Amino acid sequence: MTHTLLIHLQNEDPIVGEVEELPSTTDQLITVNNPRRRDGKDVHYLESNVMAIILPILRITFIELIKNEMDEEIVSFVKD
């Protein structure tokens, strides 16, 4: 299951991307697939054909976990 993250980097605009697993407390690097700006445009300091980036955790201020739209569409029935 992929997770969509909003990653806030030190002295840079935040980027959005997907990860296979959430980073643990012992990780030193995070691999982000499909990196882009919040508005969906390319990140200005990356080449246009970049598919994934590896970021050191030390450069990250904080990470926001974004809820996937597909999760909201799941309807479950509860029997009382």
C-alpha atoms as a PDB file:
ATOM      1  CA  MET A   1       0.000   0.000   0.000  1.00  0.00           C
ATOM      2  CA  THR A   2       1.400   3.349  -0.969  1.00  0.00           C
ATOM      3  CA  HIS A   3       1.154   6.405   1.246  1.00  0.00           C
ATOM      4  CA  THR A   4       1.039   9.980  -0.048  1.00  0.00           C
ATOM      5  CA  LEU A   5       3.221  12.364   1.953  1.00  0.00           C
ATOM      6  CA  LEU A   6       3.707  16.106   2.079  1.00  0.00           C
ATOM      7  CA  ILE A   7       7.366  16.517   2.986  1.00  0.00           C
ATOM      8  CA  HIS A   8       8.587  19.823   4.403  1.00  0.00           C
ATOM      9  CA  LEU A   9      12.301  20.303   3.670  1.00  0.00           C
ATOM     10  CA  GLN A  10      14.560  22.805   5.379  1.00  0.00           C
ATOM     11  CA  ASN A  11      14.699  26.103   3.451  1.00  0.00           C
ATOM     12  CA  GLU A  12      12.673  24.689   0.510  1.00  0.00           C
ATOM     13  CA  ASP A  13       9.048  24.503  -0.564  1.00  0.00           C
ATOM     14  CA  PRO A  14       7.282  21.281   0.490  1.00  0.00           C
ATOM     15  CA  ILE A  15       7.052  18.401  -1.971  1.00  0.00           C
ATOM     16  CA  VAL A  16       4.417  15.711  -2.402  1.00  0.00           C
ATOM     17  CA  GLY A  17       5.256  12.108  -3.181  1.00  0.00           C
ATOM     18  CA  GLU A  18       4.396   8.495  -2.545  1.00  0.00           C
ATOM     19  CA  VAL A  19       6.244   5.959  -0.405  1.00  0.00           C
ATOM     20  CA  GLU A  20       5.731   2.217  -0.061  1.00  0.00           C
ATOM     21  CA  GLU A  21       6.313   2.260   3.705  1.00  0.00           C
ATOM     22  CA  LEU A  22       6.239   5.046   6.244  1.00  0.00           C
ATOM     23  CA  PRO A  23       9.684   5.909   7.612  1.00  0.00           C
ATOM     24  CA  SER A  24      10.587   4.409  10.972  1.00  0.00           C
ATOM     25  CA  THR A  25      12.433   6.143  13.784  1.00  0.00           C
ATOM     26  CA  THR A  26      15.690   4.408  12.846  1.00  0.00           C
ATOM     27  CA  ASP A  27      15.668   5.341   9.133  1.00  0.00           C
ATOM     28  CA  GLN A  28      18.295   7.748   7.843  1.00  0.00           C
ATOM     29  CA  LEU A  29      16.974   7.998   4.272  1.00  0.00           C
ATOM     30  CA  ILE A  30      13.528   8.067   2.678  1.00  0.00           C
ATOM     31  CA  THR A  31      12.768   7.124  -0.945  1.00  0.00           C
ATOM     32  CA  VAL A  32       9.983   9.217  -2.461  1.00  0.00           C
ATOM     33  CA  ASN A  33       8.323   8.217  -5.744  1.00  0.00           C
ATOM     34  CA  ASN A  34       6.769  10.724  -8.159  1.00  0.00           C
ATOM     35  CA  PRO A  35       8.082  13.894  -6.425  1.00  0.00           C
ATOM     36  CA  ARG A  36       6.167  17.060  -7.272  1.00  0.00           C
ATOM     37  CA  ARG A  37       5.137  20.382  -5.791  1.00  0.00           C
ATOM     38  CA  ARG A  38       1.909  20.744  -3.883  1.00  0.00           C
ATOM     39  CA  ASP A  39       0.162  22.105  -7.000  1.00  0.00           C
ATOM     40  CA  GLY A  40       1.320  19.121  -9.109  1.00  0.00           C
ATOM     41  CA  LYS A  41       4.051  20.972 -11.029  1.00  0.00           C
ATOM     42  CA  ASP A  42       7.666  19.815 -11.324  1.00  0.00           C
ATOM     43  CA  VAL A  43      10.113  20.590  -8.514  1.00  0.00           C
ATOM     44  CA  HIS A  44      12.409  23.318  -9.896  1.00  0.00           C
ATOM     45  CA  TYR A  45      15.675  21.734  -8.704  1.00  0.00           C
ATOM     46  CA  LEU A  46      14.892  18.267 -10.152  1.00  0.00           C
ATOM     47  CA  GLU A  47      15.047  17.120 -13.765  1.00  0.00           C
ATOM     48  CA  SER A  48      11.640  16.725 -15.421  1.00  0.00           C
ATOM     49  CA  ASN A  49      12.036  12.953 -15.923  1.00  0.00           C
ATOM     50  CA  VAL A  50      12.906  12.069 -12.286  1.00  0.00           C
ATOM     51  CA  MET A  51      10.748   9.213 -10.995  1.00  0.00           C
ATOM     52  CA  ALA A  52      12.115   8.879  -7.441  1.00  0.00           C
ATOM     53  CA  ILE A  53      14.384  10.722  -5.034  1.00  0.00           C
ATOM     54  CA  ILE A  54      16.242   9.613  -1.928  1.00  0.00           C
ATOM     55  CA  LEU A  55      16.224  12.214   0.835  1.00  0.00           C
ATOM     56  CA  PRO A  56      18.211  12.241   4.069  1.00  0.00           C
ATOM     57  CA  ILE A  57      15.940  12.479   7.101  1.00  0.00           C
ATOM     58  CA  LEU A  58      18.167  15.247   8.502  1.00  0.00           C
ATOM     59  CA  ARG A  59      16.963  17.629   5.737  1.00  0.00           C
ATOM     60  CA  ILE A  60      13.283  17.040   6.601  1.00  0.00           C
ATOM     61  CA  THR A  61      11.569  19.335   9.094  1.00  0.00           C
ATOM     62  CA  PHE A  62       8.342  17.321   9.287  1.00  0.00           C
ATOM     63  CA  ILE A  63       6.128  15.023   7.217  1.00  0.00           C
ATOM     64  CA  GLU A  64       2.360  15.169   6.720  1.00  0.00           C
ATOM     65  CA  LEU A  65       0.450  12.012   5.806  1.00  0.00           C
ATOM     66  CA  ILE A  66      -2.228  12.788   3.212  1.00  0.00           C
ATOM     67  CA  LYS A  67      -5.388  10.693   3.127  1.00  0.00           C
ATOM     68  CA  ASN A  68      -5.935   8.949  -0.205  1.00  0.00           C
ATOM     69  CA  GLU A  69      -9.202   9.697  -2.004  1.00  0.00           C
ATOM     70  CA  MET A  70      -9.790   5.967  -2.490  1.00  0.00           C
ATOM     71  CA  ASP A  71      -9.929   5.464   1.284  1.00  0.00           C
ATOM     72  CA  GLU A  72     -12.869   7.847   1.481  1.00  0.00           C
ATOM     73  CA  GLU A  73     -14.817   5.937  -1.180  1.00  0.00           C
ATOM     74  CA  ILE A  74     -14.821   2.666   0.776  1.00  0.00           C
ATOM     75  CA  VAL A  75     -18.256   2.087   2.242  1.00  0.00           C
ATOM     76  CA  SER A  76     -18.644  -0.429   5.014  1.00  0.00           C
ATOM     77  CA  PHE A  77     -21.805  -1.591   6.683  1.00  0.00           C
ATOM     78  CA  VAL A  78     -22.065  -2.075  10.402  1.00  0.00           C
ATOM     79  CA  LYS A  79     -24.673  -4.354  11.885  1.00  0.00           C
ATOM     80  CA  ASP A  80     -25.965  -3.245  15.279  1.00  0.00           C
END
